[in-house]
N, C-alpha and C. Protein backbone atom coordinates (compact mmCIF):
# COMPACT_ATOMS: atom_id res chain seq x y z
N MET A 1 100.67 85.21 114.41
CA MET A 1 100.74 86.51 114.75
C MET A 1 101.41 87.19 115.77
N ALA A 2 101.76 88.51 115.68
CA ALA A 2 102.59 88.91 116.44
C ALA A 2 101.98 90.32 117.21
N PHE A 3 102.47 90.77 118.18
CA PHE A 3 101.97 91.61 119.05
C PHE A 3 102.68 92.46 119.75
N ARG A 4 102.58 94.11 119.51
CA ARG A 4 103.22 95.07 120.07
C ARG A 4 102.44 95.71 121.11
N TYR A 5 103.03 95.90 122.17
CA TYR A 5 101.95 96.58 123.47
C TYR A 5 102.75 98.13 123.66
N TRP A 6 101.76 98.88 123.61
CA TRP A 6 102.01 100.26 123.80
C TRP A 6 101.36 100.73 125.41
N CYS A 7 102.28 101.31 126.35
CA CYS A 7 102.03 101.90 127.54
C CYS A 7 101.16 102.78 127.07
N GLY A 8 100.33 102.98 128.14
CA GLY A 8 99.07 104.37 127.99
C GLY A 8 99.46 105.33 128.83
N GLU A 9 100.51 105.39 129.68
CA GLU A 9 101.12 106.63 130.69
C GLU A 9 102.35 107.18 129.86
N CYS A 10 103.06 106.49 129.17
CA CYS A 10 104.52 107.00 128.71
C CYS A 10 104.91 106.57 127.10
N GLY A 11 105.74 106.55 126.44
CA GLY A 11 106.31 106.05 125.18
C GLY A 11 106.55 104.68 125.26
N PHE A 12 106.68 104.04 126.17
CA PHE A 12 107.24 102.53 126.29
C PHE A 12 106.43 101.69 125.11
N ARG A 13 107.04 100.56 124.47
CA ARG A 13 106.51 99.91 123.80
C ARG A 13 107.37 98.30 123.45
N THR A 14 106.63 97.32 123.89
CA THR A 14 107.48 96.25 123.62
C THR A 14 107.65 95.87 122.27
N PRO A 15 108.58 94.85 121.91
CA PRO A 15 109.08 94.67 120.39
C PRO A 15 108.03 93.77 119.96
N TRP A 16 107.96 93.19 118.82
CA TRP A 16 106.94 92.31 118.30
C TRP A 16 107.11 91.12 118.99
N LEU A 17 106.11 90.62 119.75
CA LEU A 17 106.14 89.28 120.54
C LEU A 17 105.16 88.75 120.27
N GLY A 18 105.06 87.68 120.81
CA GLY A 18 103.77 86.61 120.66
C GLY A 18 102.89 87.18 122.25
N ARG A 19 101.46 86.81 122.09
CA ARG A 19 100.55 87.48 122.99
C ARG A 19 100.91 87.46 124.22
N SER A 20 101.21 86.33 124.83
CA SER A 20 101.65 86.15 126.41
C SER A 20 102.61 86.89 126.66
N GLU A 21 104.00 86.95 125.63
CA GLU A 21 105.11 87.44 126.18
C GLU A 21 104.98 89.10 126.36
N GLY A 22 104.40 89.52 125.26
CA GLY A 22 103.95 90.83 124.86
C GLY A 22 103.05 91.38 126.15
N GLU A 23 101.97 90.47 126.69
CA GLU A 23 101.50 91.06 127.92
C GLU A 23 102.01 91.03 128.86
N ARG A 24 103.10 90.12 129.27
CA ARG A 24 104.19 89.59 130.51
C ARG A 24 104.95 91.10 130.40
N GLN A 25 105.24 91.51 129.21
CA GLN A 25 106.59 92.45 129.22
C GLN A 25 105.65 93.92 129.89
N GLN A 26 104.48 94.16 128.95
CA GLN A 26 103.73 95.12 129.62
C GLN A 26 103.39 95.39 131.05
N ILE A 27 103.04 94.19 131.49
CA ILE A 27 102.61 94.09 133.09
C ILE A 27 103.98 94.27 133.73
N ASP A 28 105.19 93.83 133.38
CA ASP A 28 106.26 94.23 134.07
C ASP A 28 106.76 95.78 133.88
N HIS A 29 106.52 96.43 133.04
CA HIS A 29 106.84 97.57 132.66
C HIS A 29 105.86 98.50 133.78
N TYR A 30 104.47 98.13 133.77
CA TYR A 30 103.39 98.96 134.74
C TYR A 30 104.06 98.58 136.32
N THR A 31 104.35 97.52 136.65
CA THR A 31 104.58 97.07 137.79
C THR A 31 105.98 97.83 138.34
N LYS A 32 107.06 98.38 137.47
CA LYS A 32 108.28 98.83 137.84
C LYS A 32 107.90 100.29 137.78
N TRP A 33 107.14 100.75 136.47
CA TRP A 33 107.46 102.42 136.24
C TRP A 33 106.26 103.08 136.54
N HIS A 34 104.95 102.26 136.36
CA HIS A 34 103.56 103.33 137.10
C HIS A 34 102.90 101.78 138.18
N PRO A 35 103.83 102.02 139.18
CA PRO A 35 102.89 101.18 140.49
C PRO A 35 101.82 101.66 140.62
N GLY A 36 101.08 100.56 140.89
CA GLY A 36 99.29 101.19 141.32
C GLY A 36 98.68 101.21 140.15
N THR A 37 98.88 101.47 139.02
CA THR A 37 98.24 101.86 137.98
C THR A 37 97.75 100.19 136.91
N PRO A 38 96.80 100.03 136.52
CA PRO A 38 96.31 99.06 135.93
C PRO A 38 96.90 99.23 134.44
N PRO A 39 97.66 98.21 133.74
CA PRO A 39 98.00 98.12 132.62
C PRO A 39 96.92 98.56 131.44
N GLY A 40 97.50 99.51 130.58
CA GLY A 40 96.34 99.95 129.99
C GLY A 40 97.27 100.40 128.27
N GLY A 41 96.84 100.95 127.32
CA GLY A 41 97.63 101.31 126.23
C GLY A 41 97.10 100.88 125.25
N ASP A 42 97.79 100.82 124.14
CA ASP A 42 97.19 99.99 122.84
C ASP A 42 98.00 98.93 122.54
N VAL A 43 97.30 98.14 121.59
CA VAL A 43 98.00 96.58 121.13
C VAL A 43 98.01 96.76 119.52
N GLU A 44 99.02 96.57 118.92
CA GLU A 44 99.38 96.72 117.70
C GLU A 44 99.08 94.97 117.17
N VAL A 45 98.33 94.75 116.18
CA VAL A 45 98.64 93.29 115.71
C VAL A 45 99.12 93.51 114.27
N GLY A 46 100.32 92.14 114.19
CA GLY A 46 100.64 92.36 112.64
C GLY A 46 100.89 90.65 112.55
N ARG A 47 101.55 90.54 111.46
CA ARG A 47 101.94 89.19 111.03
C ARG A 47 103.29 88.87 111.55
N SER A 48 103.61 87.99 111.60
CA SER A 48 104.97 87.37 112.16
C SER A 48 105.85 87.39 111.23
N ARG A 49 107.06 87.18 111.31
CA ARG A 49 108.11 86.72 110.13
C ARG A 49 107.96 85.79 109.71
N ASP A 50 107.56 84.54 110.61
CA ASP A 50 107.16 83.28 110.04
C ASP A 50 106.31 83.37 109.28
N ALA A 51 105.04 83.74 109.04
CA ALA A 51 103.90 83.84 108.63
C ALA A 51 104.20 83.86 107.46
N GLY A 52 104.01 83.14 106.15
CA GLY A 52 104.01 83.35 104.80
C GLY A 52 105.74 83.41 104.43
N LEU A 53 105.95 83.93 103.26
CA LEU A 53 107.36 84.19 102.89
C LEU A 53 108.18 85.44 103.52
N GLY A 54 107.25 86.16 103.86
CA GLY A 54 108.28 87.22 104.61
C GLY A 54 109.28 87.94 104.14
N CYS A 55 109.51 87.80 102.73
CA CYS A 55 110.83 88.39 102.12
C CYS A 55 110.31 89.43 101.06
N GLY A 56 109.04 89.77 100.77
CA GLY A 56 108.72 90.59 100.03
C GLY A 56 108.72 90.46 98.60
N CYS A 57 108.70 91.31 97.57
CA CYS A 57 108.73 91.04 95.96
C CYS A 57 109.90 91.49 95.55
N LEU A 58 110.96 92.16 96.52
CA LEU A 58 112.29 92.16 95.93
C LEU A 58 113.18 91.35 94.93
N PRO A 59 113.43 90.17 95.87
CA PRO A 59 114.03 88.94 95.41
C PRO A 59 113.49 88.59 93.95
N LEU A 60 112.44 88.68 93.88
CA LEU A 60 111.68 87.83 92.85
C LEU A 60 111.70 88.88 91.76
N ALA A 61 111.54 90.30 92.08
CA ALA A 61 111.94 91.24 90.87
C ALA A 61 113.12 91.19 90.23
N VAL A 62 114.01 90.89 90.88
CA VAL A 62 115.54 90.79 90.77
C VAL A 62 115.64 89.51 89.87
N ILE A 63 115.22 88.43 90.41
CA ILE A 63 115.44 87.32 89.49
C ILE A 63 114.80 87.56 88.19
N ALA A 64 113.47 88.39 88.12
CA ALA A 64 112.58 88.18 87.03
C ALA A 64 113.54 88.99 85.87
N LEU A 65 114.32 90.06 86.33
CA LEU A 65 115.14 91.10 85.83
C LEU A 65 116.22 90.27 85.17
N LEU A 66 117.09 89.79 85.71
CA LEU A 66 117.95 88.88 85.42
C LEU A 66 117.54 87.97 84.52
N LEU A 67 116.28 87.04 84.49
CA LEU A 67 116.13 86.39 83.46
C LEU A 67 115.83 87.23 82.13
N LEU A 68 115.59 88.40 82.21
CA LEU A 68 114.99 88.98 81.09
C LEU A 68 116.04 89.16 80.48
N VAL A 69 117.24 89.77 81.24
CA VAL A 69 118.54 90.28 80.79
C VAL A 69 119.12 88.98 79.83
N VAL A 70 119.18 87.69 80.46
CA VAL A 70 119.56 86.44 80.17
C VAL A 70 118.64 86.54 78.58
N ALA A 71 117.74 86.30 78.83
CA ALA A 71 116.99 85.95 77.39
C ALA A 71 117.25 86.77 76.49
N VAL A 72 117.53 88.32 76.66
CA VAL A 72 117.61 89.23 75.55
C VAL A 72 119.02 89.09 74.95
N ALA A 73 119.99 88.62 75.83
CA ALA A 73 121.20 88.38 75.53
C ALA A 73 121.52 87.15 74.72
N PHE A 74 120.80 86.17 74.96
CA PHE A 74 120.90 84.81 74.03
C PHE A 74 119.95 85.38 72.66
N HIS A 75 119.56 86.13 72.62
CA HIS A 75 118.24 86.16 71.35
C HIS A 75 118.89 86.61 70.51
N ARG A 76 120.06 87.61 70.45
CA ARG A 76 120.80 88.28 69.53
C ARG A 76 121.78 87.15 68.94
């Protein structure tokens, strides 16, 4: 899983990171930019690129289209 932390005080957000690294960056941000304010805001949860194939359907669709074109060409 990947997490992105949003600041509750300004527009800052971390990149997609692991949970502990995202929390650390959020705490560092609050320490530097909002001293005395406890960290808050929102957390987005998403799949990491390493989970699953992560390449989408486009490469499979292109391969299928090419196979169709080759099949039609050799059928004639």
